[in-house]
Amino acid sequence: MPPRSLFDGVDLDAVRSLAARLPPPGGVVVACLAAGGALAQDPSDPAWTDRDRLFVSPGLRRSAETAGLQAEADGADPHACALESQRAGAIFRVYWVLDRDAAGSGEVWERARAAAGSQAAMIISITLASAAQASPAARMWEAAGWTAHGVDGNDPVAVLGAIDRGLEAPAPWAIIAAVDESADDDGAGW
């Protein structure tokens, strides 16, 4: 896959405009995938074999659909999908976007460890977390064998920059997007 930069030709005003129309807390992240050039999908051709695959937790599905993105079915395995891409010559990327509730699932961490164990380089996870949750969430991804990178999830430039770095990562790449969720969140659960 040739190197590409998301900042080549990105319209940040379009990303910000879409983010403003999407429900928080994941609006900026979904807008970066949809309008920021990160996700290669063609809504007019949902059967396109080389399209990037998007896995979203149930709490973010509405935002993805509102942005016109095609998400994989609930229960599908992002790790298996990333390995399929790798075996096929890295023809598509896998984006795995999780909200706080989904990131607390044991199934997520089993899949994360499996992806790290197989060095599935075609997968980028983006976990939404409050500021208090960001550091514990990063430690969880690192414990699962991923490279974790924290960003301000309300800043499209920061989110796109982290995704851009992940596009060239030789192993699974986790982005912890700190977003405004709840002022009384103490990070419990991580």
Protein backbone atom coordinates (compact mmCIF):
# COMPACT_ATOMS: atom_id res chain seq x y z
CA MET A 1 0.00 0.00 0.00
CA PRO A 2 1.61 3.30 -1.04
CA PRO A 3 2.16 5.86 1.73
CA ARG A 4 -0.50 8.51 1.90
CA SER A 5 -1.09 11.48 4.13
CA LEU A 6 -4.55 12.48 5.24
CA PHE A 7 -3.47 16.10 5.13
CA ASP A 8 -2.97 15.99 1.35
CA GLY A 9 -6.12 17.70 0.16
CA VAL A 10 -8.21 17.34 3.32
CA ASP A 11 -10.94 19.95 3.74
CA LEU A 12 -10.87 20.63 7.49
CA ASP A 13 -13.92 22.88 7.20
CA ALA A 14 -15.90 19.93 5.79
CA VAL A 15 -14.68 17.69 8.63
CA ARG A 16 -15.65 20.28 11.24
CA SER A 17 -19.02 20.89 9.60
CA LEU A 18 -19.86 17.18 9.60
CA ALA A 19 -18.62 16.78 13.19
CA ALA A 20 -20.98 19.57 14.29
CA ARG A 21 -23.94 17.61 12.85
CA LEU A 22 -23.03 14.32 14.54
CA PRO A 23 -23.93 13.43 18.11
CA PRO A 24 -21.19 13.60 20.72
CA PRO A 25 -19.00 12.15 22.00
CA GLY A 26 -17.78 10.49 18.79
CA GLY A 27 -18.75 13.11 16.22
CA VAL A 28 -15.23 14.37 15.52
CA VAL A 29 -13.79 10.85 15.17
CA VAL A 30 -16.56 9.71 12.81
CA ALA A 31 -16.26 12.95 10.80
CA CYS A 32 -12.50 12.39 10.42
CA LEU A 33 -13.16 8.92 9.02
CA ALA A 34 -15.97 10.08 6.74
CA ALA A 35 -14.80 13.47 5.49
CA GLY A 36 -11.12 13.47 6.42
CA GLY A 37 -9.99 10.98 3.82
CA ALA A 38 -9.15 8.24 6.32
CA LEU A 39 -11.75 5.69 5.29
CA ALA A 40 -11.81 4.46 1.70
CA GLN A 41 -15.46 3.63 1.06
CA ASP A 42 -17.88 4.34 -1.77
CA PRO A 43 -21.50 4.52 -0.60
CA SER A 44 -22.68 3.89 -4.16
CA ASP A 45 -20.74 0.58 -4.24
CA PRO A 46 -21.12 -1.20 -0.87
CA ALA A 47 -19.82 -4.45 -2.41
CA TRP A 48 -16.48 -2.88 -3.41
CA THR A 49 -13.94 -5.55 -2.43
CA ASP A 50 -11.10 -3.13 -1.61
CA ARG A 51 -13.17 -0.80 0.59
CA ASP A 52 -11.86 -0.15 4.08
CA ARG A 53 -13.79 -1.96 6.78
CA LEU A 54 -15.37 -0.07 9.68
CA PHE A 55 -16.33 -1.71 12.94
CA VAL A 56 -18.18 0.52 15.39
CA SER A 57 -19.59 -0.19 18.82
CA PRO A 58 -23.40 -0.08 18.99
CA GLY A 59 -23.32 3.31 20.73
CA LEU A 60 -21.60 4.87 17.69
CA ARG A 61 -23.52 3.14 14.90
CA ARG A 62 -26.01 6.00 14.48
CA SER A 63 -23.19 8.54 14.02
CA ALA A 64 -21.54 6.33 11.40
CA GLU A 65 -24.80 5.85 9.49
CA THR A 66 -25.60 9.58 9.68
CA ALA A 67 -22.18 10.28 8.15
CA GLY A 68 -22.93 7.84 5.31
CA LEU A 69 -20.42 5.20 6.41
CA GLN A 70 -20.89 1.49 5.90
CA ALA A 71 -20.20 -0.37 9.15
CA GLU A 72 -19.66 -4.10 9.38
CA ALA A 73 -22.31 -6.24 11.07
CA ASP A 74 -22.40 -6.51 14.84
CA GLY A 75 -20.42 -9.52 15.97
CA ALA A 76 -18.00 -9.45 13.03
CA ASP A 77 -14.33 -9.81 14.02
CA PRO A 78 -12.04 -6.87 13.17
CA HIS A 79 -8.91 -8.97 13.83
CA ALA A 80 -9.96 -11.67 11.35
CA CYS A 81 -10.78 -8.96 8.82
CA ALA A 82 -7.33 -7.35 9.24
CA LEU A 83 -5.66 -10.72 8.71
CA GLU A 84 -7.75 -11.24 5.57
CA SER A 85 -6.47 -7.92 4.23
CA GLN A 86 -2.88 -8.80 5.10
CA ARG A 87 -3.14 -12.18 3.34
CA ALA A 88 -4.62 -10.46 0.29
CA GLY A 89 -1.68 -8.06 0.02
CA ALA A 90 -2.92 -5.25 2.28
CA ILE A 91 -5.72 -4.12 0.03
CA PHE A 92 -7.85 -2.49 2.73
CA ARG A 93 -7.59 -1.09 6.24
CA VAL A 94 -9.68 -1.99 9.25
CA TYR A 95 -10.91 0.75 11.58
CA TRP A 96 -12.32 -0.33 14.94
CA VAL A 97 -14.08 2.50 16.80
CA LEU A 98 -15.12 1.84 20.38
CA ASP A 99 -17.04 3.84 22.92
CA ARG A 100 -16.42 3.45 26.65
CA ASP A 101 -19.06 0.75 27.10
CA ALA A 102 -17.75 -1.45 24.30
CA ALA A 103 -14.13 -1.00 25.37
CA GLY A 104 -15.00 -2.58 28.73
CA SER A 105 -15.90 -5.89 27.08
CA GLY A 106 -13.65 -8.92 27.58
CA GLU A 107 -14.31 -9.89 23.95
CA VAL A 108 -12.65 -6.66 22.79
CA TRP A 109 -9.49 -7.45 24.72
CA GLU A 110 -9.39 -11.05 23.47
CA ARG A 111 -9.55 -9.75 19.90
CA ALA A 112 -7.00 -7.04 20.66
CA ARG A 113 -4.51 -9.58 22.03
CA ALA A 114 -5.08 -11.85 19.03
CA ALA A 115 -4.43 -8.96 16.61
CA ALA A 116 -1.22 -8.04 18.42
CA GLY A 117 -0.09 -11.66 18.53
CA SER A 118 -0.50 -11.99 14.79
CA GLN A 119 1.05 -8.53 14.12
CA ALA A 120 -2.01 -7.55 12.07
CA ALA A 121 -0.71 -4.28 10.64
CA MET A 122 -3.87 -3.34 8.82
CA ILE A 123 -5.89 -2.38 11.90
CA ILE A 124 -6.39 0.93 13.70
CA SER A 125 -8.52 1.11 16.82
CA ILE A 126 -9.97 4.38 18.06
CA THR A 127 -11.28 4.31 21.62
CA LEU A 128 -13.35 7.20 22.94
CA ALA A 129 -12.53 7.98 26.56
CA SER A 130 -12.96 10.83 28.99
CA ALA A 131 -9.82 12.66 30.07
CA ALA A 132 -9.77 10.59 33.26
CA GLN A 133 -10.07 7.34 31.28
CA ALA A 134 -7.45 8.14 28.62
CA SER A 135 -4.34 7.01 30.48
CA PRO A 136 -5.86 3.77 31.84
CA ALA A 137 -7.27 3.01 28.38
CA ALA A 138 -3.85 3.52 26.77
CA ARG A 139 -2.31 1.15 29.32
CA MET A 140 -4.93 -1.49 28.48
CA TRP A 141 -4.14 -1.30 24.76
CA GLU A 142 -0.40 -1.43 25.45
CA ALA A 143 -0.90 -4.43 27.76
CA ALA A 144 -2.72 -6.11 24.86
CA GLY A 145 0.38 -5.54 22.69
CA TRP A 146 -0.74 -2.49 20.69
CA THR A 147 1.03 0.82 20.21
CA ALA A 148 -1.23 3.39 21.90
CA HIS A 149 -1.34 7.08 21.04
CA GLY A 150 -3.46 9.58 22.99
CA VAL A 151 -5.09 12.59 21.33
CA ASP A 152 -7.67 15.28 21.99
CA GLY A 153 -10.72 13.61 20.45
CA ASN A 154 -12.42 16.99 20.01
CA ASP A 155 -9.66 18.24 17.69
CA PRO A 156 -9.93 16.96 14.09
CA VAL A 157 -6.30 17.87 13.32
CA ALA A 158 -5.08 15.76 16.26
CA VAL A 159 -7.36 12.83 15.34
CA LEU A 160 -6.35 12.93 11.66
CA GLY A 161 -2.67 13.19 12.64
CA ALA A 162 -2.94 10.08 14.82
CA ILE A 163 -4.76 8.16 12.10
CA ASP A 164 -2.14 9.30 9.58
CA ARG A 165 0.63 7.88 11.80
CA GLY A 166 -1.35 4.66 12.21
CA LEU A 167 -1.60 4.18 8.45
CA GLU A 168 2.13 3.47 8.38
CA ALA A 169 2.31 1.48 11.62
CA PRO A 170 3.87 -1.98 11.24
CA ALA A 171 1.61 -3.44 13.94
CA PRO A 172 -1.82 -2.76 15.48
CA TRP A 173 -2.26 0.94 16.32
CA ALA A 174 -4.60 2.23 19.03
CA ILE A 175 -5.73 5.82 19.30
CA ILE A 176 -7.20 6.96 22.60
CA ALA A 177 -9.41 9.94 21.79
CA ALA A 178 -10.14 11.94 24.92
CA VAL A 179 -13.61 13.42 24.45
CA ASP A 180 -16.01 15.40 26.60
CA GLU A 181 -18.33 12.84 28.16
CA SER A 182 -18.95 13.38 31.84
CA ALA A 183 -17.36 15.81 34.24
CA ASP A 184 -17.75 13.39 37.17
CA ASP A 185 -16.06 10.45 35.46
CA ASP A 186 -13.13 9.24 37.56
CA GLY A 187 -11.78 6.69 35.09
CA ALA A 188 -13.27 3.74 36.97
CA GLY A 189 -13.75 0.63 34.90
CA TRP A 190 -10.35 0.71 33.25
